[in-house]
Amino acid sequence: MGVQGRKVVRMARSQRRGTCVSARALYARPMALRQLYTDAGSVIRKSQQEAAAAAHQKNSR
């Protein structure tokens, strides 16, 4: 193997090592998504409750 071939192998190894994701990042991303979905769910429920209350008020007249 020539010098150029070794350089390519070394570069490929360093690139693979660079994509390593830390344990904290793997843990934090699902937690952030869970928080996002929880917030979205509460907003949806609140809007549904308001719509139901408005419909009930409209029907009670």
PDB file of N, CA and C in Angstrom:
ATOM      1  N   MET A   1       0.861  -1.191   0.000  1.00  0.00           N
ATOM      2  CA  MET A   1       0.000   0.000   0.000  1.00  0.00           C
ATOM      3  C   MET A   1       0.896   1.239   0.000  1.00  0.00           C
ATOM      4  N   GLY A   2       0.571   2.190  -0.831  1.00  0.00           N
ATOM      5  CA  GLY A   2       1.373   3.405  -0.917  1.00  0.00           C
ATOM      6  C   GLY A   2       1.007   4.379   0.179  1.00  0.00           C
ATOM      7  N   VAL A   3       1.744   5.466   0.215  1.00  0.00           N
ATOM      8  CA  VAL A   3       1.486   6.498   1.226  1.00  0.00           C
ATOM      9  C   VAL A   3       0.102   7.096   1.038  1.00  0.00           C
ATOM     10  N   GLN A   4      -0.294   7.273  -0.198  1.00  0.00           N
ATOM     11  CA  GLN A   4      -1.600   7.869  -0.467  1.00  0.00           C
ATOM     12  C   GLN A   4      -2.737   6.967   0.033  1.00  0.00           C
ATOM     13  N   GLY A   5      -2.608   5.667  -0.145  1.00  0.00           N
ATOM     14  CA  GLY A   5      -3.632   4.726   0.329  1.00  0.00           C
ATOM     15  C   GLY A   5      -3.786   4.778   1.838  1.00  0.00           C
ATOM     16  N   ARG A   6      -2.682   4.857   2.556  1.00  0.00           N
ATOM     17  CA  ARG A   6      -2.753   4.932   4.018  1.00  0.00           C
ATOM     18  C   ARG A   6      -3.450   6.203   4.473  1.00  0.00           C
ATOM     19  N   LYS A   7      -3.177   7.282   3.774  1.00  0.00           N
ATOM     20  CA  LYS A   7      -3.790   8.569   4.141  1.00  0.00           C
ATOM     21  C   LYS A   7      -5.319   8.480   3.999  1.00  0.00           C
ATOM     22  N   VAL A   8      -5.777   7.825   2.946  1.00  0.00           N
ATOM     23  CA  VAL A   8      -7.224   7.688   2.726  1.00  0.00           C
ATOM     24  C   VAL A   8      -7.844   6.860   3.850  1.00  0.00           C
ATOM     25  N   VAL A   9      -7.190   5.772   4.236  1.00  0.00           N
ATOM     26  CA  VAL A   9      -7.706   4.927   5.314  1.00  0.00           C
ATOM     27  C   VAL A   9      -7.752   5.702   6.614  1.00  0.00           C
ATOM     28  N   ARG A  10      -6.701   6.468   6.897  1.00  0.00           N
ATOM     29  CA  ARG A  10      -6.655   7.252   8.130  1.00  0.00           C
ATOM     30  C   ARG A  10      -7.764   8.296   8.139  1.00  0.00           C
ATOM     31  N   MET A  11      -8.020   8.936   7.003  1.00  0.00           N
ATOM     32  CA  MET A  11      -9.077   9.951   6.934  1.00  0.00           C
ATOM     33  C   MET A  11     -10.449   9.305   7.139  1.00  0.00           C
ATOM     34  N   ALA A  12     -10.645   8.118   6.569  1.00  0.00           N
ATOM     35  CA  ALA A  12     -11.933   7.432   6.725  1.00  0.00           C
ATOM     36  C   ALA A  12     -12.170   7.082   8.191  1.00  0.00           C
ATOM     37  N   ARG A  13     -11.135   6.652   8.885  1.00  0.00           N
ATOM     38  CA  ARG A  13     -11.274   6.333  10.310  1.00  0.00           C
ATOM     39  C   ARG A  13     -11.641   7.569  11.128  1.00  0.00           C
ATOM     40  N   SER A  14     -10.982   8.678  10.855  1.00  0.00           N
ATOM     41  CA  SER A  14     -11.249   9.885  11.645  1.00  0.00           C
ATOM     42  C   SER A  14     -12.660  10.409  11.377  1.00  0.00           C
ATOM     43  N   GLN A  15     -13.150  10.245  10.160  1.00  0.00           N
ATOM     44  CA  GLN A  15     -14.510  10.697   9.865  1.00  0.00           C
ATOM     45  C   GLN A  15     -15.525   9.844  10.608  1.00  0.00           C
ATOM     46  N   ARG A  16     -15.269   8.548  10.688  1.00  0.00           N
ATOM     47  CA  ARG A  16     -16.195   7.665  11.381  1.00  0.00           C
ATOM     48  C   ARG A  16     -16.232   8.003  12.872  1.00  0.00           C
ATOM     49  N   ARG A  17     -15.085   8.314  13.435  1.00  0.00           N
ATOM     50  CA  ARG A  17     -15.010   8.661  14.849  1.00  0.00           C
ATOM     51  C   ARG A  17     -15.715   9.994  15.122  1.00  0.00           C
ATOM     52  N   GLY A  18     -15.693  10.885  14.148  1.00  0.00           N
ATOM     53  CA  GLY A  18     -16.309  12.201  14.320  1.00  0.00           C
ATOM     54  C   GLY A  18     -17.821  12.147  14.406  1.00  0.00           C
ATOM     55  N   THR A  19     -18.439  11.090  13.879  1.00  0.00           N
ATOM     56  CA  THR A  19     -19.900  11.013  13.895  1.00  0.00           C
ATOM     57  C   THR A  19     -20.423  10.409  15.187  1.00  0.00           C
ATOM     58  N   CYS A  20     -19.553  10.082  16.107  1.00  0.00           N
ATOM     59  CA  CYS A  20     -19.968   9.492  17.378  1.00  0.00           C
ATOM     60  C   CYS A  20     -20.848  10.483  18.145  1.00  0.00           C
ATOM     61  N   VAL A  21     -21.963  10.017  18.638  1.00  0.00           N
ATOM     62  CA  VAL A  21     -22.895  10.866  19.383  1.00  0.00           C
ATOM     63  C   VAL A  21     -22.751  10.536  20.862  1.00  0.00           C
ATOM     64  N   SER A  22     -22.682  11.546  21.680  1.00  0.00           N
ATOM     65  CA  SER A  22     -22.491  11.314  23.113  1.00  0.00           C
ATOM     66  C   SER A  22     -23.755  10.719  23.725  1.00  0.00           C
ATOM     67  N   ALA A  23     -23.574  10.071  24.851  1.00  0.00           N
ATOM     68  CA  ALA A  23     -24.713   9.470  25.557  1.00  0.00           C
ATOM     69  C   ALA A  23     -25.695  10.542  26.000  1.00  0.00           C
ATOM     70  N   ARG A  24     -25.172  11.700  26.388  1.00  0.00           N
ATOM     71  CA  ARG A  24     -26.051  12.791  26.830  1.00  0.00           C
ATOM     72  C   ARG A  24     -26.938  13.254  25.677  1.00  0.00           C
ATOM     73  N   ALA A  25     -26.357  13.355  24.473  1.00  0.00           N
ATOM     74  CA  ALA A  25     -27.146  13.787  23.309  1.00  0.00           C
ATOM     75  C   ALA A  25     -28.218  12.760  22.973  1.00  0.00           C
ATOM     76  N   LEU A  26     -27.876  11.471  23.080  1.00  0.00           N
ATOM     77  CA  LEU A  26     -28.866  10.430  22.802  1.00  0.00           C
ATOM     78  C   LEU A  26     -29.997  10.466  23.825  1.00  0.00           C
ATOM     79  N   TYR A  27     -29.682  10.828  25.055  1.00  0.00           N
ATOM     80  CA  TYR A  27     -30.696  10.899  26.102  1.00  0.00           C
ATOM     81  C   TYR A  27     -31.522  12.180  25.991  1.00  0.00           C
ATOM     82  N   ALA A  28     -30.860  13.279  25.668  1.00  0.00           N
ATOM     83  CA  ALA A  28     -31.533  14.581  25.678  1.00  0.00           C
ATOM     84  C   ALA A  28     -32.511  14.722  24.521  1.00  0.00           C
ATOM     85  N   ARG A  29     -32.191  14.142  23.374  1.00  0.00           N
ATOM     86  CA  ARG A  29     -33.065  14.331  22.214  1.00  0.00           C
ATOM     87  C   ARG A  29     -34.447  13.733  22.436  1.00  0.00           C
ATOM     88  N   PRO A  30     -34.573  12.473  22.898  1.00  0.00           N
ATOM     89  CA  PRO A  30     -35.920  11.949  23.163  1.00  0.00           C
ATOM     90  C   PRO A  30     -36.652  12.715  24.263  1.00  0.00           C
ATOM     91  N   MET A  31     -35.899  13.207  25.256  1.00  0.00           N
ATOM     92  CA  MET A  31     -36.548  13.979  26.315  1.00  0.00           C
ATOM     93  C   MET A  31     -37.129  15.267  25.748  1.00  0.00           C
ATOM     94  N   ALA A  32     -36.401  15.917  24.865  1.00  0.00           N
ATOM     95  CA  ALA A  32     -36.900  17.152  24.251  1.00  0.00           C
ATOM     96  C   ALA A  32     -38.115  16.856  23.390  1.00  0.00           C
ATOM     97  N   LEU A  33     -38.077  15.750  22.648  1.00  0.00           N
ATOM     98  CA  LEU A  33     -39.229  15.380  21.829  1.00  0.00           C
ATOM     99  C   LEU A  33     -40.438  15.058  22.702  1.00  0.00           C
ATOM    100  N   ARG A  34     -40.208  14.377  23.807  1.00  0.00           N
ATOM    101  CA  ARG A  34     -41.310  14.052  24.721  1.00  0.00           C
ATOM    102  C   ARG A  34     -41.940  15.325  25.259  1.00  0.00           C
ATOM    103  N   GLN A  35     -41.099  16.294  25.607  1.00  0.00           N
ATOM    104  CA  GLN A  35     -41.607  17.582  26.106  1.00  0.00           C
ATOM    105  C   GLN A  35     -42.406  18.299  25.025  1.00  0.00           C
ATOM    106  N   LEU A  36     -41.902  18.244  23.793  1.00  0.00           N
ATOM    107  CA  LEU A  36     -42.585  18.890  22.679  1.00  0.00           C
ATOM    108  C   LEU A  36     -43.956  18.272  22.452  1.00  0.00           C
ATOM    109  N   TYR A  37     -44.023  16.933  22.444  1.00  0.00           N
ATOM    110  CA  TYR A  37     -45.303  16.264  22.235  1.00  0.00           C
ATOM    111  C   TYR A  37     -46.254  16.499  23.402  1.00  0.00           C
ATOM    112  N   THR A  38     -45.729  16.570  24.608  1.00  0.00           N
ATOM    113  CA  THR A  38     -46.567  16.844  25.773  1.00  0.00           C
ATOM    114  C   THR A  38     -47.178  18.235  25.658  1.00  0.00           C
ATOM    115  N   ASP A  39     -46.348  19.215  25.281  1.00  0.00           N
ATOM    116  CA  ASP A  39     -46.844  20.581  25.113  1.00  0.00           C
ATOM    117  C   ASP A  39     -47.894  20.645  24.007  1.00  0.00           C
ATOM    118  N   ALA A  40     -47.623  19.975  22.888  1.00  0.00           N
ATOM    119  CA  ALA A  40     -48.565  19.990  21.764  1.00  0.00           C
ATOM    120  C   ALA A  40     -49.876  19.336  22.165  1.00  0.00           C
ATOM    121  N   GLY A  41     -49.786  18.240  22.906  1.00  0.00           N
ATOM    122  CA  GLY A  41     -51.002  17.550  23.357  1.00  0.00           C
ATOM    123  C   GLY A  41     -51.840  18.416  24.271  1.00  0.00           C
ATOM    124  N   SER A  42     -51.180  19.139  25.163  1.00  0.00           N
ATOM    125  CA  SER A  42     -51.937  19.987  26.080  1.00  0.00           C
ATOM    126  C   SER A  42     -52.585  21.152  25.330  1.00  0.00           C
ATOM    127  N   VAL A  43     -51.910  21.685  24.327  1.00  0.00           N
ATOM    128  CA  VAL A  43     -52.498  22.766  23.516  1.00  0.00           C
ATOM    129  C   VAL A  43     -53.712  22.253  22.759  1.00  0.00           C
ATOM    130  N   ILE A  44     -53.596  21.043  22.188  1.00  0.00           N
ATOM    131  CA  ILE A  44     -54.718  20.464  21.435  1.00  0.00           C
ATOM    132  C   ILE A  44     -55.902  20.211  22.361  1.00  0.00           C
ATOM    133  N   ARG A  45     -55.642  19.642  23.533  1.00  0.00           N
ATOM    134  CA  ARG A  45     -56.730  19.375  24.481  1.00  0.00           C
ATOM    135  C   ARG A  45     -57.409  20.668  24.918  1.00  0.00           C
ATOM    136  N   LYS A  46     -56.620  21.692  25.160  1.00  0.00           N
ATOM    137  CA  LYS A  46     -57.178  22.975  25.594  1.00  0.00           C
ATOM    138  C   LYS A  46     -58.071  23.571  24.504  1.00  0.00           C
ATOM    139  N   SER A  47     -57.619  23.498  23.259  1.00  0.00           N
ATOM    140  CA  SER A  47     -58.422  24.051  22.160  1.00  0.00           C
ATOM    141  C   SER A  47     -59.692  23.230  21.955  1.00  0.00           C
ATOM    142  N   GLN A  48     -59.605  21.916  22.149  1.00  0.00           N
ATOM    143  CA  GLN A  48     -60.806  21.089  22.035  1.00  0.00           C
ATOM    144  C   GLN A  48     -61.802  21.423  23.138  1.00  0.00           C
ATOM    145  N   GLN A  49     -61.305  21.645  24.350  1.00  0.00           N
ATOM    146  CA  GLN A  49     -62.191  22.005  25.454  1.00  0.00           C
ATOM    147  C   GLN A  49     -62.863  23.344  25.188  1.00  0.00           C
ATOM    148  N   GLU A  50     -62.096  24.301  24.659  1.00  0.00           N
ATOM    149  CA  GLU A  50     -62.670  25.612  24.349  1.00  0.00           C
ATOM    150  C   GLU A  50     -63.716  25.501  23.254  1.00  0.00           C
ATOM    151  N   ALA A  51     -63.449  24.664  22.246  1.00  0.00           N
ATOM    152  CA  ALA A  51     -64.405  24.478  21.158  1.00  0.00           C
ATOM    153  C   ALA A  51     -65.676  23.813  21.672  1.00  0.00           C
ATOM    154  N   ALA A  52     -65.523  22.839  22.557  1.00  0.00           N
ATOM    155  CA  ALA A  52     -66.696  22.167  23.128  1.00  0.00           C
ATOM    156  C   ALA A  52     -67.502  23.137  23.981  1.00  0.00           C
ATOM    157  N   ALA A  53     -66.818  23.972  24.747  1.00  0.00           N
ATOM    158  CA  ALA A  53     -67.510  24.951  25.580  1.00  0.00           C
ATOM    159  C   ALA A  53     -68.246  25.968  24.710  1.00  0.00           C
ATOM    160  N   ALA A  54     -67.623  26.390  23.628  1.00  0.00           N
ATOM    161  CA  ALA A  54     -68.268  27.354  22.727  1.00  0.00           C
ATOM    162  C   ALA A  54     -69.486  26.729  22.050  1.00  0.00           C
ATOM    163  N   ALA A  55     -69.365  25.463  21.652  1.00  0.00           N
ATOM    164  CA  ALA A  55     -70.488  24.773  21.019  1.00  0.00           C
ATOM    165  C   ALA A  55     -71.629  24.587  22.016  1.00  0.00           C
ATOM    166  N   HIS A  56     -71.282  24.256  23.248  1.00  0.00           N
ATOM    167  CA  HIS A  56     -72.297  24.082  24.285  1.00  0.00           C
ATOM    168  C   HIS A  56     -73.016  25.401  24.578  1.00  0.00           C
ATOM    169  N   GLN A  57     -72.230  26.482  24.619  1.00  0.00           N
ATOM    170  CA  GLN A  57     -72.820  27.797  24.886  1.00  0.00           C
ATOM    171  C   GLN A  57     -73.714  28.212  23.734  1.00  0.00           C
ATOM    172  N   LYS A  58     -73.314  27.903  22.523  1.00  0.00           N
ATOM    173  CA  LYS A  58     -74.090  28.263  21.329  1.00  0.00           C
ATOM    174  C   LYS A  58     -75.411  27.466  21.281  1.00  0.00           C
ATOM    175  N   ASN A  59     -75.338  26.193  21.693  1.00  0.00           N
ATOM    176  CA  ASN A  59     -76.541  25.340  21.684  1.00  0.00           C
ATOM    177  C   ASN A  59     -77.494  25.656  22.815  1.00  0.00           C
ATOM    178  N   SER A  60     -76.981  26.218  23.911  1.00  0.00           N
ATOM    179  CA  SER A  60     -77.840  26.456  25.080  1.00  0.00           C
ATOM    180  C   SER A  60     -78.677  27.717  24.927  1.00  0.00           C
ATOM    181  N   ARG A  61     -78.395  28.535  23.929  1.00  0.00           N
ATOM    182  CA  ARG A  61     -79.185  29.766  23.746  1.00  0.00           C
ATOM    183  C   ARG A  61     -80.578  29.491  23.233  1.00  0.00           C
TER     184      ARG A  61
END
